[in-house]
Amino acid sequence: MLVSSFDFDLPKDKIASFPADPPESAKLLSVHGSGELTDFLIADFPSLLRPSDLLVFNDTRVIPARLFGTRGEAKLEATLFKAVAVNTWEALVKNARRLHDGDEVCFYAPDGSTKDPLKAAVLGRGESGSVILKFDADPQELFSLLEKYGVMPLPPYIHREKNAYGKDKTDYQTIFAKHNGAVAAPTAGLHFTEGLMQKIAARGIENVKITLHVGGGTFLPVKVEDTKDHVMHAEYGIIPPETAQILTQAKQNGRRIVAVGTTAMRLLESAADENGVIHPFARETSIFITPGYKFKAVDALFTNFHLPCSTLIMLVSAFIGTDIIKNAYQHAIDNNYRFFSYGDACFLEP
């Protein structure tokens, strides 16, 4: 399919720079497979679920992967993209042309809280002009050092001054965050508060957690004209055996599997076989879902509104229909929904 088939015009004022406060006040668009659209709030979500539904959340934890530093006198900004070895990360670097193999980069806390730098050596180049950095740190301490030196790796369409990331440390992290490794948030989960989870539990609705470490590739543009030519980025996912068993049993009992976020959906579909059995999983997935894909695991999807021509709008189009998604997105624009990571959400029921 042509990538241009998934394009749409979005006014810049519809892009959310901050989350709704409180989170449950965000808008929620119910999108039914019949094409019916109904406006709700996130606070209404429990009432849209069936008591037998099984919610699936992604419990990855976003690391503060955006770093500010220097090489000599030159200032640099790096966003860690993907772990490639112990203490070694592929990174997107502003002013990367100034870096050469063997260079030492010194990163500093943007708030000036420490004078000692976090050092990294340049090992070479990755794909698409990225830089391979190896940190000079105890591997057991690297994540805690990133908490000290880094800031949240917000998407490129959210702009902050260098020292204005404070609130994002909690805003850009779900309440389920447990396992370090993501460099982008599973943003559908940002809508869920402890209070909302209590309302869901009060209806007898169960949930399970799986882990997909969301990579920076989720923000990379699709640069080809036809979807068949796109090479999907890989991300590491984990579904423990006991969780896989719960999910498979739910499917066999006719319960709906409701994925919260496209990351949860991609991992579930990666682990499922043609019979709907969801197997334990502990490896990378580069699954690329486009219209025509036969879904094996997921029955309903709670998700945010996605970028034009992105792999994620292709995924939701595959799930509920391209025409329905186009109508839903136009309805959202016309009714002042807020888009992307900090924006509003929709609930898709084919």
Protein backbone atom coordinates (compact mmCIF):
# COMPACT_ATOMS: atom_id res chain seq x y z
CA MET A 1 0.00 0.00 0.00
CA LEU A 2 1.11 3.56 -0.61
CA VAL A 3 2.33 5.31 2.53
CA SER A 4 0.53 8.44 1.33
CA SER A 5 -2.76 6.58 1.91
CA PHE A 6 -2.19 7.13 5.63
CA ASP A 7 -1.57 10.87 5.45
CA PHE A 8 -3.84 13.55 6.91
CA ASP A 9 -3.66 17.24 7.73
CA LEU A 10 -3.36 18.02 11.43
CA PRO A 11 -3.35 21.61 12.69
CA LYS A 12 -0.36 22.21 14.96
CA ASP A 13 -2.59 23.47 17.75
CA LYS A 14 -4.06 19.96 18.04
CA ILE A 15 -0.70 18.50 19.14
CA ALA A 16 -0.60 18.16 22.94
CA SER A 17 2.50 19.50 24.68
CA PHE A 18 1.29 18.51 28.14
CA PRO A 19 -1.06 15.79 29.44
CA ALA A 20 -4.60 16.50 30.58
CA ASP A 21 -4.87 17.40 34.27
CA PRO A 22 -6.28 15.30 35.78
CA PRO A 23 -5.55 12.45 33.35
CA GLU A 24 -9.11 11.12 33.54
CA SER A 25 -10.40 14.41 32.10
CA ALA A 26 -8.85 13.63 28.72
CA LYS A 27 -11.23 12.86 25.87
CA LEU A 28 -11.95 9.31 24.73
CA LEU A 29 -13.46 8.49 21.35
CA SER A 30 -15.27 5.17 21.09
CA VAL A 31 -14.81 3.78 17.58
CA HIS A 32 -16.96 0.80 16.66
CA GLY A 33 -16.46 -1.53 13.73
CA SER A 34 -19.83 -0.39 12.40
CA GLY A 35 -18.33 3.07 11.99
CA GLU A 36 -20.26 4.52 14.93
CA LEU A 37 -18.34 7.22 16.84
CA THR A 38 -19.20 8.28 20.40
CA ASP A 39 -17.48 10.90 22.57
CA PHE A 40 -16.54 10.06 26.15
CA LEU A 41 -13.93 10.95 28.73
CA ILE A 42 -11.17 8.67 29.99
CA ALA A 43 -13.12 8.52 33.27
CA ASP A 44 -15.86 6.69 31.32
CA PHE A 45 -13.59 3.93 30.09
CA PRO A 46 -14.54 1.32 32.74
CA SER A 47 -18.17 1.52 31.59
CA LEU A 48 -17.13 0.64 28.02
CA LEU A 49 -15.56 -2.63 29.13
CA ARG A 50 -17.18 -6.01 29.65
CA PRO A 51 -16.70 -7.73 33.04
CA SER A 52 -15.04 -10.65 31.27
CA ASP A 53 -12.46 -8.47 29.47
CA LEU A 54 -8.77 -9.00 30.15
CA LEU A 55 -6.74 -5.78 29.94
CA VAL A 56 -3.10 -6.01 28.89
CA PHE A 57 -0.66 -3.26 29.91
CA ASN A 58 2.97 -2.66 28.95
CA ASP A 59 5.07 -2.31 32.12
CA THR A 60 8.28 -1.11 30.50
CA ARG A 61 9.99 1.82 32.23
CA VAL A 62 11.26 4.81 30.28
CA ILE A 63 14.87 5.65 31.05
CA PRO A 64 16.04 9.30 30.99
CA ALA A 65 17.76 8.70 27.67
CA ARG A 66 18.29 12.28 26.53
CA LEU A 67 21.75 13.59 27.43
CA PHE A 68 23.50 16.96 27.08
CA GLY A 69 27.27 17.10 26.84
CA THR A 70 30.43 18.15 25.06
CA ARG A 71 33.30 16.86 22.99
CA GLY A 72 36.05 19.29 23.67
CA GLU A 73 34.47 22.72 23.20
CA ALA A 74 31.65 21.45 20.98
CA LYS A 75 28.22 21.07 22.58
CA LEU A 76 26.26 17.90 21.86
CA GLU A 77 22.83 16.46 22.52
CA ALA A 78 22.31 12.70 22.38
CA THR A 79 19.21 10.54 22.66
CA LEU A 80 19.89 6.89 23.39
CA PHE A 81 18.08 4.84 20.82
CA LYS A 82 18.78 1.16 21.36
CA ALA A 83 21.01 -0.97 23.57
CA VAL A 84 23.43 -2.99 21.40
CA ALA A 85 25.76 -4.47 24.07
CA VAL A 86 26.74 -4.05 27.71
CA ASN A 87 27.01 -0.28 28.40
CA THR A 88 26.79 0.31 24.64
CA TRP A 89 23.97 2.21 22.99
CA GLU A 90 23.04 3.42 19.56
CA ALA A 91 22.21 7.13 19.84
CA LEU A 92 20.82 9.92 17.74
CA VAL A 93 23.20 12.85 18.16
CA LYS A 94 22.74 16.48 17.20
CA ASN A 95 25.96 17.75 15.59
CA ALA A 96 27.04 14.14 15.07
CA ARG A 97 29.36 15.24 12.26
CA ARG A 98 31.69 16.58 14.93
CA LEU A 99 32.23 13.09 16.35
CA HIS A 100 34.85 10.60 15.19
CA ASP A 101 35.74 7.07 16.23
CA GLY A 102 37.64 7.10 19.51
CA ASP A 103 36.35 10.50 20.65
CA GLU A 104 35.38 10.91 24.29
CA VAL A 105 32.08 12.62 25.07
CA CYS A 106 31.32 14.10 28.49
CA PHE A 107 27.70 14.36 29.56
CA TYR A 108 26.53 16.66 32.36
CA ALA A 109 23.31 16.95 34.37
CA PRO A 110 21.29 19.77 32.74
CA ASP A 111 20.39 21.23 36.13
CA GLY A 112 24.07 21.51 37.09
CA SER A 113 23.62 19.18 40.07
CA THR A 114 26.98 17.51 39.46
CA LYS A 115 30.31 18.65 38.04
CA ASP A 116 31.68 15.16 37.36
CA PRO A 117 30.77 14.05 33.82
CA LEU A 118 29.33 10.76 32.65
CA LYS A 119 31.83 9.74 29.98
CA ALA A 120 31.30 7.73 26.81
CA ALA A 121 33.55 6.70 23.94
CA VAL A 122 32.50 6.88 20.29
CA LEU A 123 32.80 3.39 18.79
CA GLY A 124 31.49 4.14 15.33
CA ARG A 125 28.33 4.75 13.33
CA GLY A 126 25.06 2.88 13.26
CA GLU A 127 22.23 2.97 10.75
CA SER A 128 20.76 6.24 9.48
CA GLY A 129 23.65 8.31 10.82
CA SER A 130 23.34 7.21 14.44
CA VAL A 131 26.37 7.04 16.74
CA ILE A 132 27.51 4.06 18.84
CA LEU A 133 28.44 5.14 22.37
CA LYS A 134 30.09 3.02 25.06
CA PHE A 135 29.72 4.40 28.59
CA ASP A 136 32.55 4.36 31.10
CA ALA A 137 30.49 3.15 34.04
CA ASP A 138 29.73 0.09 36.12
CA PRO A 139 27.07 -1.77 34.08
CA GLN A 140 25.05 -2.27 37.26
CA GLU A 141 24.94 1.49 37.81
CA LEU A 142 24.28 2.81 34.31
CA PHE A 143 20.50 3.16 34.67
CA SER A 144 20.86 4.98 38.00
CA LEU A 145 23.47 7.28 36.43
CA LEU A 146 21.07 8.08 33.59
CA GLU A 147 18.52 9.10 36.24
CA LYS A 148 21.12 11.59 37.44
CA TYR A 149 22.46 12.88 34.14
CA GLY A 150 19.59 12.44 31.67
CA VAL A 151 16.11 13.78 31.01
CA MET A 152 13.06 12.12 29.53
CA PRO A 153 13.37 11.46 25.78
CA LEU A 154 10.24 13.31 24.69
CA PRO A 155 9.07 12.95 21.09
CA PRO A 156 10.46 15.50 18.61
CA TYR A 157 7.11 17.32 18.36
CA ILE A 158 7.18 18.21 22.09
CA HIS A 159 9.57 21.06 22.79
CA ARG A 160 11.19 21.91 26.10
CA GLU A 161 13.92 24.24 27.22
CA LYS A 162 17.02 22.40 28.46
CA ASN A 163 16.08 22.77 32.14
CA ALA A 164 12.30 22.44 31.76
CA TYR A 165 11.88 18.65 31.83
CA GLY A 166 11.12 18.34 35.56
CA LYS A 167 7.44 17.38 35.43
CA ASP A 168 7.98 15.06 32.47
CA LYS A 169 9.87 12.69 34.76
CA THR A 170 6.49 11.58 36.14
CA ASP A 171 4.16 12.70 33.34
CA TYR A 172 6.00 10.58 30.73
CA GLN A 173 5.98 7.43 32.86
CA THR A 174 3.04 5.08 33.37
CA ILE A 175 1.97 3.90 36.82
CA PHE A 176 2.81 0.36 35.65
CA ALA A 177 6.47 1.17 34.83
CA LYS A 178 8.67 -1.55 36.29
CA HIS A 179 11.38 -2.79 33.92
CA ASN A 180 14.06 -0.33 32.69
CA GLY A 181 14.69 -0.24 28.97
CA ALA A 182 12.28 1.96 26.98
CA VAL A 183 13.35 5.20 25.33
CA ALA A 184 9.76 6.17 24.53
CA ALA A 185 6.68 5.75 26.69
CA PRO A 186 3.84 3.33 25.94
CA THR A 187 1.69 6.44 25.89
CA ALA A 188 -1.77 4.84 26.02
CA GLY A 189 -0.90 3.77 29.55
CA LEU A 190 -0.30 7.38 30.62
CA HIS A 191 -4.07 7.86 30.93
CA PHE A 192 -4.40 5.31 33.71
CA THR A 193 -4.35 6.43 37.34
CA GLU A 194 -4.65 4.43 40.54
CA GLY A 195 -8.21 5.74 40.85
CA LEU A 196 -9.15 4.61 37.35
CA MET A 197 -7.66 1.17 38.00
CA GLN A 198 -9.74 0.87 41.15
CA LYS A 199 -12.89 1.61 39.13
CA ILE A 200 -11.90 -1.04 36.60
CA ALA A 201 -11.21 -3.58 39.35
CA ALA A 202 -14.55 -2.77 40.98
CA ARG A 203 -16.26 -4.06 37.84
CA GLY A 204 -14.40 -7.36 38.21
CA ILE A 205 -12.17 -6.67 35.21
CA GLU A 206 -8.75 -8.31 35.40
CA ASN A 207 -5.46 -7.19 33.92
CA VAL A 208 -2.00 -8.58 33.18
CA LYS A 209 1.35 -6.94 32.40
CA ILE A 210 3.76 -7.69 29.58
CA THR A 211 6.94 -5.85 28.63
CA LEU A 212 7.97 -4.28 25.33
CA HIS A 213 10.93 -1.90 25.58
CA VAL A 214 9.78 0.82 23.20
CA GLY A 215 12.62 2.04 21.00
CA GLY A 216 13.27 5.38 19.40
CA GLY A 217 12.36 3.83 16.06
CA THR A 218 8.72 4.41 16.93
CA PHE A 219 9.27 8.10 16.00
CA LEU A 220 11.27 7.51 12.82
CA PRO A 221 9.44 8.54 9.65
CA VAL A 222 8.53 6.00 7.00
CA LYS A 223 10.77 7.08 4.12
CA VAL A 224 9.57 4.71 1.41
CA GLU A 225 6.62 5.18 -0.93
CA ASP A 226 5.18 1.68 -0.50
CA THR A 227 4.67 -0.06 2.84
CA LYS A 228 6.15 -3.30 1.46
CA ASP A 229 9.55 -1.60 1.25
CA HIS A 230 9.64 -0.38 4.86
CA VAL A 231 12.07 -2.07 7.26
CA MET A 232 10.51 -2.10 10.73
CA HIS A 233 12.62 -1.34 13.79
CA ALA A 234 13.13 -4.15 16.33
CA GLU A 235 12.20 -3.96 20.01
CA TYR A 236 12.74 -6.43 22.84
CA GLY A 237 9.66 -7.99 24.41
CA ILE A 238 8.88 -10.34 27.27
CA ILE A 239 5.74 -12.38 28.03
CA PRO A 240 6.40 -14.71 31.00
CA PRO A 241 5.06 -18.29 30.74
CA GLU A 242 2.44 -17.78 33.45
CA THR A 243 1.12 -14.65 31.71
CA ALA A 244 1.01 -16.41 28.35
CA GLN A 245 -1.05 -19.16 29.97
CA ILE A 246 -3.53 -16.66 31.44
CA LEU A 247 -3.92 -14.94 28.08
CA THR A 248 -4.39 -18.18 26.15
CA GLN A 249 -6.94 -19.45 28.67
CA ALA A 250 -8.87 -16.19 28.35
CA LYS A 251 -8.96 -16.54 24.56
CA GLN A 252 -10.15 -20.12 24.81
CA ASN A 253 -12.90 -19.06 27.22
CA GLY A 254 -14.18 -16.46 24.74
CA ARG A 255 -13.01 -13.44 26.74
CA ARG A 256 -11.84 -10.32 24.96
CA ILE A 257 -8.14 -9.46 25.06
CA VAL A 258 -8.01 -5.65 25.31
CA ALA A 259 -4.58 -4.25 24.51
CA VAL A 260 -3.74 -0.92 26.14
CA GLY A 261 -1.49 0.63 23.54
CA THR A 262 -0.02 -0.42 20.22
CA THR A 263 3.12 -1.67 21.97
CA ALA A 264 1.10 -4.24 23.94
CA MET A 265 -0.74 -5.16 20.75
CA ARG A 266 2.46 -5.67 18.74
CA LEU A 267 3.95 -7.92 21.40
CA LEU A 268 0.77 -9.98 21.77
CA GLU A 269 0.50 -10.48 18.03
CA SER A 270 4.19 -11.41 17.87
CA ALA A 271 3.66 -14.14 20.49
CA ALA A 272 0.41 -15.58 19.12
CA ASP A 273 0.12 -18.45 16.67
CA GLU A 274 -2.54 -19.00 14.02
CA ASN A 275 -4.80 -20.73 16.54
CA GLY A 276 -4.78 -17.80 18.94
CA VAL A 277 -2.45 -19.50 21.42
CA ILE A 278 -0.19 -16.88 23.02
CA HIS A 279 3.23 -18.34 23.73
CA PRO A 280 5.93 -17.22 26.18
CA PHE A 281 8.15 -14.64 24.55
CA ALA A 282 11.64 -13.26 25.27
CA ARG A 283 13.28 -11.82 22.17
CA GLU A 284 13.11 -8.96 19.71
CA THR A 285 10.12 -8.37 17.48
CA SER A 286 9.99 -6.31 14.32
CA ILE A 287 6.38 -7.09 13.47
CA PHE A 288 4.92 -4.60 10.99
CA ILE A 289 1.12 -4.61 10.91
CA THR A 290 -0.64 -3.10 7.90
CA PRO A 291 -4.12 -3.50 6.38
CA GLY A 292 -4.71 -7.11 5.38
CA TYR A 293 -3.06 -8.50 8.51
CA LYS A 294 -5.08 -11.19 10.31
CA PHE A 295 -5.18 -10.47 14.04
CA LYS A 296 -4.68 -13.55 16.20
CA ALA A 297 -4.65 -12.27 19.79
CA VAL A 298 -6.16 -8.82 20.30
CA ASP A 299 -9.91 -8.17 20.29
CA ALA A 300 -10.06 -4.47 21.27
CA LEU A 301 -7.52 -1.66 21.49
CA PHE A 302 -7.19 1.44 23.67
CA THR A 303 -4.72 3.82 22.04
CA ASN A 304 -3.77 7.44 21.45
CA PHE A 305 -4.07 9.30 18.13
CA HIS A 306 -1.03 8.69 15.94
CA LEU A 307 1.16 10.59 13.50
CA PRO A 308 0.31 10.84 9.79
CA CYS A 309 2.04 8.19 7.63
CA SER A 310 3.39 6.42 10.73
CA THR A 311 3.57 2.66 11.23
CA LEU A 312 1.11 3.09 14.11
CA ILE A 313 -1.67 4.67 12.07
CA MET A 314 -1.14 1.79 9.64
CA LEU A 315 -1.62 -0.62 12.55
CA VAL A 316 -4.89 0.91 13.77
CA SER A 317 -6.13 1.07 10.18
CA ALA A 318 -5.43 -2.64 9.86
CA PHE A 319 -7.29 -3.30 13.08
CA ILE A 320 -10.58 -1.52 12.43
CA GLY A 321 -10.48 -0.33 8.82
CA THR A 322 -8.79 2.49 6.94
CA ASP A 323 -11.99 4.38 6.16
CA ILE A 324 -13.20 4.13 9.76
CA ILE A 325 -9.88 5.48 11.05
CA LYS A 326 -9.98 8.36 8.57
CA ASN A 327 -13.49 9.28 9.73
CA ALA A 328 -12.55 8.91 13.39
CA TYR A 329 -9.46 11.10 13.04
CA GLN A 330 -11.42 13.79 11.18
CA HIS A 331 -14.08 13.67 13.91
CA ALA A 332 -11.33 14.08 16.50
CA ILE A 333 -9.86 17.09 14.68
CA ASP A 334 -13.27 18.71 14.25
CA ASN A 335 -14.07 18.20 17.94
CA ASN A 336 -10.79 19.51 19.35
CA TYR A 337 -9.26 16.26 20.46
CA ARG A 338 -5.58 16.50 21.39
CA PHE A 339 -3.17 14.33 19.42
CA PHE A 340 -0.04 12.22 19.95
CA SER A 341 1.85 11.18 23.10
CA TYR A 342 0.30 13.58 25.63
CA GLY A 343 -3.03 13.74 23.83
CA ASP A 344 -6.45 12.10 24.06
CA ALA A 345 -7.33 8.50 23.28
CA CYS A 346 -9.67 6.24 21.36
CA PHE A 347 -11.12 2.81 22.06
CA LEU A 348 -11.33 0.60 18.98
CA GLU A 349 -13.81 -2.30 18.92
CA PRO A 350 -13.93 -4.08 15.55
